[in-house]
Amino acid sequence: MSAIELDSETPAPLPLSTIHQISRKFALPSRTSALQTTKQILHFLLPSFLHSDSGQPTDIEKTPEIVHPTAWLDGMRGIAALLVYIYHLSYSTHDVDTAWTYDGKRDFLRLPLIRFFYNGPSMVSIFFVLSGYALSYKPVKQIRKQEVLPLFEGLASSVFRRWMRLFLPCLASTSVIVVLLRLGMYDATREIANDQARLPFHRERHAQSYETLGQQLWDLTAAFFAFSNPFIANEMPMDPHLWTISVEYGASIVLYVTQLGLCRLRTRYRLLSLVCLIFMAHQASRWPMILFYGGFILAELDIRRSALAASETFDGTINTSHLWSATYLCIFFCGLFLGGQPWKAVDKAPGWITLYKLIPKHVSDKFRYWGNWGAILLIWATSNSPLLQCVFTNRVSQYFGRISFSLYVVHGMLIHTLHYSLMPALWNNVTANDTWLKQEIGFAVSASVVTVVLIWVSDVFMRLIDTPSVRFARWIENKAKAKVQVVKEEPKWMESSAIV
């Protein structure tokens, strides 16, 4: 073989620039780069209220100069989510169902008004009224201005994105539960989760562990598709607390359809139609729709009141007078009382004996009945009272409002793992002569630790999963949305010339 032939078969050497590019691509990161990446990860894992860039104040330190008119909705939602967590944390080890009675339970925490703050069903009612209010606020403004096309586009966008907005974070949280199951964290607490002696009251379903990862993933897939199916009502076995998400989705879709159907009516007839729908939902014992339609009405009344206040013929000082403020406070406290409806010993509880008898016989969930109406009263009074809104527009309430959905989604797994593992250890190690005191001290310490961890995990989950899922839903909509083709009409003179 000649030298020329050898040269033709031998590959040409790579340029030095290409070699350097390849070596940089596959080279190990430098120490400075690794430290910078680690710093960014640790900074991300910090709660958002501890973030501070370039000496700027953190989110929790910033006080907005102008508070949005509906900012109190977020704050109230955040406080309600926190109280739901407290209810789920305590209702397995404490009797939260029995009312204060003259001849039985006479604890301070069972008193009317007080028991509202750990009554989970009433918090769920508040969630649903707030959802109806928030989902109706912008459509009602468009309806009153007869902006039909923007209304249709907004409702179509909401219907398309609603499923992803609600269920993608749930899929992420239950996937984390699968990871915890494979790590054995649920098995470590399975004994206490099923122990009727140590958890004598509400014992929730503990997530089931399978032998193989394939079986676990198949169970997750089947359970999630049943849970997120809008045509059937199923709870998520891995996290029973998520049942409200499925109800929320179905009720919100019905609310969107109702807004579309009532958009061409005058205000008085629209409100009358909503009252009729509430009556029909009441007769059918569909309490979620009562709450969503109640939120719709409250949003309508709020916008109408704002429009009247902006007009020249309306004296806006009437809403801030002492008489009206006192009236709203009384209505608010009535809502607190109704929201503390007990489950047990109602026939011996002062004030509840008569109220319980007034519940219609056809109502299925009687333990929620007065709490539903109490939630509507609470939110109506707050929407009218700047004094009450201050409770929910402060920085702490607004922060809990930002993490409220994430807190609700992830608190179940922390209760079943961290809380159920801390309580037995604390019960065994905390020294006290009285058994009851020993258990209460152990519960208080465990609750404090779990609450701190929950706030941190909820904050990270919000930034890692919840907020990106909203952007992802918007991105999917933009990719799937049909392009509007504008058809140009030919001028009249061109049409006439063409005929000629």
Protein backbone atom coordinates (compact mmCIF):
# COMPACT_ATOMS: atom_id res chain seq x y z
CA MET A 1 0.00 0.00 0.00
CA SER A 2 1.46 3.38 -0.98
CA ALA A 3 2.08 6.28 1.35
CA ILE A 4 -0.61 8.27 -0.41
CA GLU A 5 -3.16 5.58 0.28
CA LEU A 6 -2.13 5.44 3.93
CA ASP A 7 -2.59 9.18 4.26
CA SER A 8 -6.05 9.03 2.73
CA GLU A 9 -7.23 6.38 5.17
CA THR A 10 -5.80 8.00 8.27
CA PRO A 11 -8.35 10.38 9.87
CA ALA A 12 -7.35 13.98 10.11
CA PRO A 13 -6.52 15.20 13.62
CA LEU A 14 -9.17 17.30 15.38
CA PRO A 15 -8.52 21.01 15.73
CA LEU A 16 -7.22 22.15 19.10
CA SER A 17 -10.28 24.39 19.65
CA THR A 18 -12.63 21.40 19.22
CA ILE A 19 -10.56 19.33 21.63
CA HIS A 20 -10.74 22.10 24.24
CA GLN A 21 -14.51 22.37 23.82
CA ILE A 22 -14.96 18.62 24.31
CA SER A 23 -12.68 18.57 27.33
CA ARG A 24 -14.56 21.48 28.92
CA LYS A 25 -17.87 19.74 28.26
CA PHE A 26 -16.90 16.50 29.97
CA ALA A 27 -14.56 17.92 32.56
CA LEU A 28 -15.52 17.87 36.23
CA PRO A 29 -16.91 21.16 37.52
CA SER A 30 -14.44 23.39 39.19
CA ARG A 31 -14.46 23.96 42.92
CA THR A 32 -15.77 27.49 42.48
CA SER A 33 -18.60 26.30 40.22
CA ALA A 34 -19.55 23.52 42.64
CA LEU A 35 -19.60 25.93 45.58
CA GLN A 36 -21.71 28.40 43.61
CA THR A 37 -24.23 25.69 42.66
CA THR A 38 -24.40 24.46 46.25
CA LYS A 39 -24.95 27.99 47.46
CA GLN A 40 -27.80 28.49 44.98
CA ILE A 41 -29.46 25.23 46.08
CA LEU A 42 -29.20 26.11 49.77
CA HIS A 43 -30.52 29.60 49.04
CA PHE A 44 -33.50 28.08 47.22
CA LEU A 45 -34.21 25.75 50.14
CA LEU A 46 -34.47 28.68 52.51
CA PRO A 47 -38.04 29.86 53.17
CA SER A 48 -38.95 32.74 50.90
CA PHE A 49 -39.30 35.17 53.81
CA LEU A 50 -35.58 34.68 54.55
CA HIS A 51 -34.45 35.47 51.02
CA SER A 52 -32.51 38.69 50.71
CA ASP A 53 -30.74 39.74 47.53
CA SER A 54 -28.33 42.67 47.37
CA GLY A 55 -29.40 43.99 50.73
CA GLN A 56 -33.02 44.37 49.64
CA PRO A 57 -35.75 43.63 52.21
CA THR A 58 -37.26 40.16 52.20
CA ASP A 59 -40.81 39.43 51.07
CA ILE A 60 -42.17 39.36 54.59
CA GLU A 61 -40.53 42.71 55.36
CA LYS A 62 -42.03 44.45 52.36
CA THR A 63 -45.25 46.30 53.05
CA PRO A 64 -47.11 47.08 49.82
CA GLU A 65 -48.13 50.69 49.54
CA ILE A 66 -51.43 49.76 47.88
CA VAL A 67 -53.25 46.65 49.11
CA HIS A 68 -55.35 44.92 46.48
CA PRO A 69 -59.08 45.12 47.30
CA THR A 70 -59.33 41.31 47.50
CA ALA A 71 -56.01 40.70 49.32
CA TRP A 72 -57.95 39.71 52.43
CA LEU A 73 -59.24 36.67 50.54
CA ASP A 74 -55.72 35.26 50.37
CA GLY A 75 -55.06 35.98 54.03
CA MET A 76 -58.29 34.32 55.13
CA ARG A 77 -57.51 31.30 52.95
CA GLY A 78 -54.08 31.03 54.55
CA ILE A 79 -55.42 31.16 58.10
CA ALA A 80 -58.11 28.59 57.22
CA ALA A 81 -55.47 26.24 55.77
CA LEU A 82 -53.43 26.55 58.97
CA LEU A 83 -56.49 25.77 61.11
CA VAL A 84 -57.32 22.73 58.96
CA TYR A 85 -53.81 21.46 59.61
CA ILE A 86 -54.27 21.97 63.37
CA TYR A 87 -57.55 20.04 63.18
CA HIS A 88 -55.98 17.11 61.35
CA LEU A 89 -52.99 17.17 63.67
CA SER A 90 -55.08 16.91 66.81
CA TYR A 91 -58.26 15.01 65.96
CA SER A 92 -56.69 11.56 66.27
CA THR A 93 -55.44 12.09 69.84
CA HIS A 94 -58.02 14.59 71.13
CA ASP A 95 -61.81 14.61 71.25
CA VAL A 96 -62.65 17.58 69.03
CA ASP A 97 -66.21 16.50 68.25
CA THR A 98 -68.00 16.75 71.59
CA ALA A 99 -69.72 20.00 72.54
CA TRP A 100 -69.48 21.90 75.80
CA THR A 101 -72.30 20.64 78.03
CA TYR A 102 -73.55 21.45 81.52
CA ASP A 103 -73.29 17.87 82.78
CA GLY A 104 -70.34 16.52 80.78
CA LYS A 105 -67.47 18.05 78.88
CA ARG A 106 -66.74 21.49 80.27
CA ASP A 107 -63.27 22.23 78.90
CA PHE A 108 -62.36 25.74 77.86
CA LEU A 109 -61.59 24.63 74.28
CA ARG A 110 -65.14 23.29 73.88
CA LEU A 111 -66.80 26.63 74.51
CA PRO A 112 -68.74 28.27 71.67
CA LEU A 113 -66.63 30.58 69.51
CA ILE A 114 -63.45 28.92 70.84
CA ARG A 115 -64.09 25.56 69.21
CA PHE A 116 -64.39 27.25 65.81
CA PHE A 117 -60.60 27.55 65.62
CA TYR A 118 -60.07 23.78 65.42
CA ASN A 119 -63.21 22.77 63.56
CA GLY A 120 -61.98 21.44 60.22
CA PRO A 121 -65.35 21.14 58.41
CA SER A 122 -65.99 24.85 58.84
CA MET A 123 -62.57 25.65 57.37
CA VAL A 124 -63.46 23.59 54.30
CA SER A 125 -66.68 25.60 54.00
CA ILE A 126 -64.62 28.80 54.11
CA PHE A 127 -62.37 27.41 51.36
CA PHE A 128 -65.32 26.82 49.07
CA VAL A 129 -66.95 30.21 49.66
CA LEU A 130 -63.60 31.93 49.06
CA SER A 131 -63.13 29.92 45.86
CA GLY A 132 -66.57 30.94 44.61
CA TYR A 133 -65.80 34.55 45.51
CA ALA A 134 -62.34 34.61 43.87
CA LEU A 135 -63.43 32.75 40.73
CA SER A 136 -66.40 35.10 40.28
CA TYR A 137 -64.78 38.46 41.03
CA LYS A 138 -63.28 39.19 37.60
CA PRO A 139 -66.14 37.59 35.59
CA VAL A 140 -68.68 39.67 37.51
CA LYS A 141 -66.80 42.87 36.65
CA GLN A 142 -66.82 41.84 33.00
CA ILE A 143 -70.50 40.91 33.15
CA ARG A 144 -71.45 44.28 34.61
CA LYS A 145 -69.54 46.02 31.79
CA GLN A 146 -70.98 43.60 29.21
CA GLU A 147 -67.50 42.66 28.05
CA VAL A 148 -68.84 39.44 26.57
CA LEU A 149 -65.87 38.43 24.43
CA PRO A 150 -63.23 38.87 27.19
CA LEU A 151 -65.57 37.00 29.53
CA PHE A 152 -65.87 34.05 27.16
CA GLU A 153 -62.12 33.96 26.59
CA GLY A 154 -61.41 34.13 30.31
CA LEU A 155 -63.89 31.37 31.18
CA ALA A 156 -62.56 29.15 28.38
CA SER A 157 -59.01 29.66 29.66
CA SER A 158 -60.05 28.93 33.26
CA VAL A 159 -61.87 25.73 32.32
CA PHE A 160 -58.87 24.50 30.32
CA ARG A 161 -56.29 25.26 33.01
CA ARG A 162 -58.31 24.35 36.11
CA TRP A 163 -57.56 20.63 36.03
CA MET A 164 -53.81 21.15 35.77
CA ARG A 165 -53.86 23.89 38.39
CA LEU A 166 -55.50 21.67 40.99
CA PHE A 167 -54.27 18.17 40.25
CA LEU A 168 -50.64 18.54 39.14
CA PRO A 169 -49.50 19.59 42.64
CA CYS A 170 -51.50 16.67 44.05
CA LEU A 171 -49.72 14.30 41.67
CA ALA A 172 -46.38 15.69 42.83
CA SER A 173 -47.23 15.35 46.54
CA THR A 174 -48.50 11.79 46.19
CA SER A 175 -45.37 10.92 44.19
CA VAL A 176 -43.36 12.12 47.18
CA ILE A 177 -45.48 9.80 49.34
CA VAL A 178 -44.47 6.91 47.05
CA VAL A 179 -40.82 7.82 47.65
CA LEU A 180 -41.41 7.89 51.42
CA LEU A 181 -43.14 4.53 51.18
CA ARG A 182 -40.18 3.00 49.37
CA LEU A 183 -37.85 4.46 52.00
CA GLY A 184 -39.87 2.76 54.73
CA MET A 185 -40.97 5.94 56.51
CA TYR A 186 -44.65 5.00 56.41
CA ASP A 187 -43.91 1.45 57.58
CA ALA A 188 -42.03 2.89 60.56
CA THR A 189 -45.19 4.67 61.74
CA ARG A 190 -47.75 2.06 60.66
CA GLU A 191 -48.06 0.60 64.15
CA ILE A 192 -49.10 3.84 65.82
CA ALA A 193 -51.28 4.82 62.84
CA ASN A 194 -53.36 1.69 63.45
CA ASP A 195 -53.16 1.77 67.26
CA GLN A 196 -56.63 2.45 68.62
CA ALA A 197 -55.32 2.86 72.16
CA ARG A 198 -52.91 5.70 71.32
CA LEU A 199 -55.09 7.20 68.57
CA PRO A 200 -58.54 6.65 70.08
CA PHE A 201 -60.54 9.08 67.93
CA HIS A 202 -60.12 9.74 64.19
CA ARG A 203 -57.61 7.28 62.72
CA GLU A 204 -56.91 8.11 59.11
CA ARG A 205 -56.09 5.64 56.39
CA HIS A 206 -52.34 5.03 56.30
CA ALA A 207 -50.78 4.73 52.84
CA GLN A 208 -50.33 1.12 51.77
CA SER A 209 -46.88 -0.21 50.96
CA TYR A 210 -46.36 -2.79 48.18
CA GLU A 211 -43.55 -5.24 47.65
CA THR A 212 -42.27 -3.84 44.36
CA LEU A 213 -41.89 -0.35 42.93
CA GLY A 214 -43.94 -1.35 39.89
CA GLN A 215 -46.93 -2.27 42.06
CA GLN A 216 -46.56 0.99 43.97
CA LEU A 217 -46.49 3.08 40.82
CA TRP A 218 -49.45 1.21 39.35
CA ASP A 219 -51.44 1.87 42.54
CA LEU A 220 -50.52 5.56 42.33
CA THR A 221 -51.53 5.76 38.66
CA ALA A 222 -54.89 4.02 39.14
CA ALA A 223 -55.71 6.01 42.28
CA PHE A 224 -54.76 9.34 40.71
CA PHE A 225 -56.84 8.85 37.55
CA ALA A 226 -59.85 7.86 39.65
CA PHE A 227 -59.27 10.79 42.00
CA SER A 228 -58.92 13.35 39.18
CA ASN A 229 -61.84 12.03 37.12
CA PRO A 230 -64.44 14.82 37.09
CA PHE A 231 -67.33 12.39 36.46
CA ILE A 232 -66.86 10.36 39.66
CA ALA A 233 -66.15 11.36 43.26
CA ASN A 234 -63.16 9.47 44.65
CA GLU A 235 -60.67 10.34 47.34
CA MET A 236 -56.94 9.75 47.11
CA PRO A 237 -56.11 6.68 49.26
CA MET A 238 -52.52 7.83 49.81
CA ASP A 239 -53.72 11.15 51.26
CA PRO A 240 -57.40 11.23 52.32
CA HIS A 241 -57.20 14.99 52.95
CA LEU A 242 -57.14 15.68 49.22
CA TRP A 243 -60.81 14.76 48.75
CA THR A 244 -61.69 18.47 48.80
CA ILE A 245 -59.61 19.05 45.65
CA SER A 246 -61.84 16.73 43.63
CA VAL A 247 -64.97 18.44 44.99
CA GLU A 248 -63.42 21.85 44.31
CA TYR A 249 -62.78 20.96 40.69
CA GLY A 250 -66.30 19.74 39.97
CA ALA A 251 -67.93 22.69 41.72
CA SER A 252 -65.69 25.24 39.97
CA ILE A 253 -66.61 23.87 36.52
CA VAL A 254 -70.32 24.13 37.37
CA LEU A 255 -69.68 27.68 38.58
CA TYR A 256 -68.03 28.63 35.28
CA VAL A 257 -71.02 27.27 33.36
CA THR A 258 -73.37 29.23 35.61
CA GLN A 259 -71.44 32.44 35.02
CA LEU A 260 -71.70 31.87 31.30
CA GLY A 261 -75.43 31.18 31.49
CA LEU A 262 -76.22 34.26 33.59
CA CYS A 263 -73.90 36.74 31.90
CA ARG A 264 -76.63 38.41 29.79
CA LEU A 265 -79.04 39.02 32.69
CA ARG A 266 -79.51 42.21 34.63
CA THR A 267 -77.99 42.31 38.09
CA ARG A 268 -81.27 41.85 39.95
CA TYR A 269 -82.29 38.86 37.84
CA ARG A 270 -78.81 37.36 38.06
CA LEU A 271 -78.93 37.56 41.87
CA LEU A 272 -82.45 36.14 41.89
CA SER A 273 -81.29 33.25 39.69
CA LEU A 274 -78.41 32.54 42.08
CA VAL A 275 -80.77 32.51 45.06
CA CYS A 276 -82.95 29.98 43.22
CA LEU A 277 -79.90 27.84 42.43
CA ILE A 278 -78.87 27.92 46.09
CA PHE A 279 -82.37 26.83 47.09
CA MET A 280 -82.27 23.92 44.62
CA ALA A 281 -78.79 22.90 45.80
CA HIS A 282 -80.06 23.04 49.38
CA GLN A 283 -83.00 20.79 48.56
CA ALA A 284 -80.66 18.37 46.80
CA SER A 285 -78.22 18.48 49.76
CA ARG A 286 -75.38 19.67 47.51
CA TRP A 287 -73.60 21.78 50.09
CA PRO A 288 -70.47 22.57 47.98
CA MET A 289 -72.60 24.32 45.36
CA ILE A 290 -74.38 26.32 48.06
CA LEU A 291 -70.99 27.66 49.12
CA PHE A 292 -69.70 28.35 45.60
CA TYR A 293 -72.90 30.13 44.61
CA GLY A 294 -72.75 32.00 47.91
CA GLY A 295 -69.27 33.22 46.97
CA PHE A 296 -70.65 34.29 43.57
CA ILE A 297 -73.33 36.39 45.26
CA LEU A 298 -70.83 37.93 47.70
CA ALA A 299 -68.54 38.93 44.82
CA GLU A 300 -71.53 40.49 43.03
CA LEU A 301 -72.49 42.46 46.13
CA ASP A 302 -68.91 43.57 46.73
CA ILE A 303 -68.48 44.93 43.20
CA ARG A 304 -71.90 46.58 43.31
CA ARG A 305 -71.00 48.25 46.60
CA SER A 306 -67.69 49.49 45.15
CA ALA A 307 -69.50 50.88 42.11
CA LEU A 308 -71.97 52.73 44.33
CA ALA A 309 -69.15 54.09 46.48
CA ALA A 310 -67.47 55.49 43.37
CA SER A 311 -70.62 57.24 42.21
CA GLU A 312 -71.36 60.82 43.15
CA THR A 313 -74.76 60.03 44.64
CA PHE A 314 -73.46 57.58 47.22
CA ASP A 315 -72.05 58.56 50.59
CA GLY A 316 -69.19 56.12 51.10
CA THR A 317 -68.80 57.03 54.77
CA ILE A 318 -71.82 55.00 55.74
CA ASN A 319 -69.87 51.73 55.54
CA THR A 320 -67.22 53.04 57.94
CA SER A 321 -69.61 54.38 60.54
CA HIS A 322 -69.53 52.92 64.02
CA LEU A 323 -73.01 51.49 63.66
CA TRP A 324 -72.20 49.53 60.54
CA SER A 325 -68.84 48.40 61.97
CA ALA A 326 -70.58 47.07 65.06
CA THR A 327 -73.14 45.32 62.86
CA TYR A 328 -70.47 43.58 60.80
CA LEU A 329 -68.61 42.54 63.94
CA CYS A 330 -71.79 40.99 65.35
CA ILE A 331 -72.40 39.11 62.08
CA PHE A 332 -68.77 37.96 62.10
CA PHE A 333 -69.11 36.55 65.62
CA CYS A 334 -72.37 34.85 64.63
CA GLY A 335 -70.42 33.19 61.84
CA LEU A 336 -67.78 32.08 64.37
CA PHE A 337 -70.48 30.56 66.57
CA LEU A 338 -72.14 28.70 63.71
CA GLY A 339 -68.74 27.59 62.43
CA GLY A 340 -68.09 25.82 65.73
CA GLN A 341 -70.96 23.37 65.24
CA PRO A 342 -70.15 20.23 67.26
CA TRP A 343 -70.71 16.66 66.17
CA LYS A 344 -71.50 14.97 69.47
CA ALA A 345 -73.60 15.82 72.53
CA VAL A 346 -75.48 18.40 70.48
CA ASP A 347 -78.71 17.59 72.32
CA LYS A 348 -77.09 18.73 75.60
CA ALA A 349 -75.14 21.74 74.35
CA PRO A 350 -76.55 25.17 75.17
CA GLY A 351 -77.64 27.01 72.05
CA TRP A 352 -77.24 23.99 69.81
CA ILE A 353 -80.24 22.02 71.02
CA THR A 354 -82.65 24.18 69.04
CA LEU A 355 -80.34 24.82 66.09
CA TYR A 356 -79.77 21.13 65.53
CA LYS A 357 -83.51 20.50 65.45
CA LEU A 358 -83.89 23.16 62.75
CA ILE A 359 -81.66 21.25 60.31
CA PRO A 360 -83.91 19.82 57.54
CA LYS A 361 -84.25 16.06 57.63
CA HIS A 362 -83.19 15.62 54.00
CA VAL A 363 -79.74 17.11 54.67
CA SER A 364 -77.13 14.35 54.55
CA ASP A 365 -74.07 15.98 56.18
CA LYS A 366 -75.79 17.48 59.20
CA PHE A 367 -72.52 18.19 60.99
CA ARG A 368 -71.66 20.71 58.25
CA TYR A 369 -75.00 22.45 57.96
CA TRP A 370 -74.62 25.47 60.22
CA GLY A 371 -70.91 25.74 59.52
CA ASN A 372 -71.74 26.33 55.85
CA TRP A 373 -73.99 29.27 56.64
CA GLY A 374 -71.48 30.50 59.19
CA ALA A 375 -68.77 30.61 56.52
CA ILE A 376 -70.98 32.76 54.27
CA LEU A 377 -71.68 35.15 57.16
CA LEU A 378 -67.98 35.39 58.04
CA ILE A 379 -66.91 36.25 54.52
CA TRP A 380 -69.80 38.65 53.92
CA ALA A 381 -69.00 40.56 57.12
CA THR A 382 -65.29 40.69 56.26
CA SER A 383 -65.94 41.92 52.72
CA ASN A 384 -67.86 44.87 54.19
CA SER A 385 -65.58 45.75 57.10
CA PRO A 386 -62.11 47.30 56.61
CA LEU A 387 -61.50 46.61 60.30
CA LEU A 388 -61.99 42.86 59.84
CA GLN A 389 -59.95 42.86 56.64
CA CYS A 390 -56.93 44.13 58.59
CA VAL A 391 -56.79 40.75 60.31
CA PHE A 392 -56.11 39.10 56.95
CA THR A 393 -54.06 41.74 55.11
CA ASN A 394 -51.06 41.78 57.46
CA ARG A 395 -47.77 40.24 56.36
CA VAL A 396 -48.16 36.99 58.32
CA SER A 397 -51.65 36.26 57.00
CA GLN A 398 -50.59 37.15 53.45
CA TYR A 399 -47.61 34.81 53.70
CA PHE A 400 -49.81 31.92 54.79
CA GLY A 401 -52.11 32.85 51.93
CA ARG A 402 -49.26 32.39 49.46
CA ILE A 403 -48.37 28.94 50.78
CA SER A 404 -51.96 27.91 51.63
CA PHE A 405 -52.49 25.48 48.76
CA SER A 406 -49.08 23.87 49.24
CA LEU A 407 -49.64 23.66 53.00
CA TYR A 408 -52.94 21.90 52.45
CA VAL A 409 -51.45 19.46 49.95
CA VAL A 410 -48.36 18.40 51.94
CA HIS A 411 -49.49 18.49 55.56
CA GLY A 412 -50.94 14.97 55.48
CA MET A 413 -47.65 13.23 54.68
CA LEU A 414 -45.85 15.10 57.46
CA ILE A 415 -48.48 14.10 60.01
CA HIS A 416 -48.26 10.44 59.01
CA THR A 417 -44.46 10.34 59.05
CA LEU A 418 -42.86 13.00 61.23
CA HIS A 419 -45.67 13.52 63.75
CA TYR A 420 -46.44 9.83 64.18
CA SER A 421 -42.75 9.09 64.72
CA LEU A 422 -42.13 11.92 67.21
CA MET A 423 -45.14 11.34 69.45
CA PRO A 424 -44.26 7.81 70.67
CA ALA A 425 -40.65 8.82 71.30
CA LEU A 426 -41.73 11.87 73.28
CA TRP A 427 -44.35 9.93 75.20
CA ASN A 428 -41.69 7.45 76.26
CA ASN A 429 -38.95 9.96 77.12
CA VAL A 430 -40.75 12.95 78.62
CA THR A 431 -40.80 12.53 82.36
CA ALA A 432 -43.97 13.49 84.20
CA ASN A 433 -45.90 11.98 87.04
CA ASP A 434 -49.26 12.34 85.39
CA THR A 435 -49.90 10.29 82.23
CA TRP A 436 -52.25 12.90 80.76
CA LEU A 437 -49.68 15.66 81.27
CA LYS A 438 -46.98 13.47 79.75
CA GLN A 439 -49.06 12.93 76.63
CA GLU A 440 -49.95 16.61 76.30
CA ILE A 441 -46.33 17.70 76.64
CA GLY A 442 -45.30 15.15 74.02
CA PHE A 443 -48.06 16.30 71.68
CA ALA A 444 -47.16 19.98 72.12
CA VAL A 445 -43.46 19.40 71.40
CA SER A 446 -44.24 17.23 68.37
CA ALA A 447 -46.79 19.74 67.06
CA SER A 448 -44.26 22.57 67.35
CA VAL A 449 -41.58 20.67 65.43
CA VAL A 450 -44.01 19.50 62.72
CA THR A 451 -45.42 23.03 62.27
CA VAL A 452 -41.96 24.52 61.68
CA VAL A 453 -41.08 21.77 59.21
CA LEU A 454 -44.46 22.11 57.49
CA ILE A 455 -44.02 25.84 56.88
CA TRP A 456 -40.58 25.20 55.38
CA VAL A 457 -41.73 22.30 53.19
CA SER A 458 -44.82 24.22 52.04
CA ASP A 459 -42.69 27.20 51.07
CA VAL A 460 -40.30 25.07 49.02
CA PHE A 461 -43.19 23.10 47.47
CA MET A 462 -44.89 26.35 46.46
CA ARG A 463 -41.81 27.59 44.58
CA LEU A 464 -40.79 24.20 43.20
CA ILE A 465 -44.17 22.70 42.22
CA ASP A 466 -47.19 24.92 42.79
CA THR A 467 -46.11 28.12 41.04
CA PRO A 468 -44.45 26.30 38.11
CA SER A 469 -47.63 24.23 37.62
CA VAL A 470 -49.56 27.46 37.08
CA ARG A 471 -47.04 28.60 34.48
CA PHE A 472 -47.03 25.15 32.89
CA ALA A 473 -50.82 25.21 32.52
CA ARG A 474 -50.59 28.61 30.87
CA TRP A 475 -47.84 27.37 28.54
CA ILE A 476 -49.87 24.30 27.52
CA GLU A 477 -52.85 26.52 26.81
CA ASN A 478 -50.81 28.85 24.61
CA LYS A 479 -49.40 25.90 22.67
CA ALA A 480 -52.77 24.21 22.19
CA LYS A 481 -54.87 27.30 21.55
CA ALA A 482 -56.16 27.74 18.03
CA LYS A 483 -54.81 30.74 16.20
CA VAL A 484 -57.41 33.36 15.40
CA GLN A 485 -57.47 34.06 11.69
CA VAL A 486 -58.49 37.57 10.78
CA VAL A 487 -60.46 37.63 7.54
CA LYS A 488 -60.00 40.89 5.70
CA GLU A 489 -63.13 42.19 4.04
CA GLU A 490 -62.67 43.51 0.54
CA PRO A 491 -63.63 47.13 -0.02
CA LYS A 492 -66.92 47.76 -1.75
CA TRP A 493 -65.30 49.37 -4.76
CA MET A 494 -63.23 46.20 -5.44
CA GLU A 495 -66.36 44.05 -5.29
CA SER A 496 -68.14 46.28 -7.83
CA SER A 497 -65.19 46.34 -10.20
CA ALA A 498 -64.92 42.57 -10.06
CA ILE A 499 -68.58 42.24 -11.06
CA VAL A 500 -68.07 44.57 -13.97
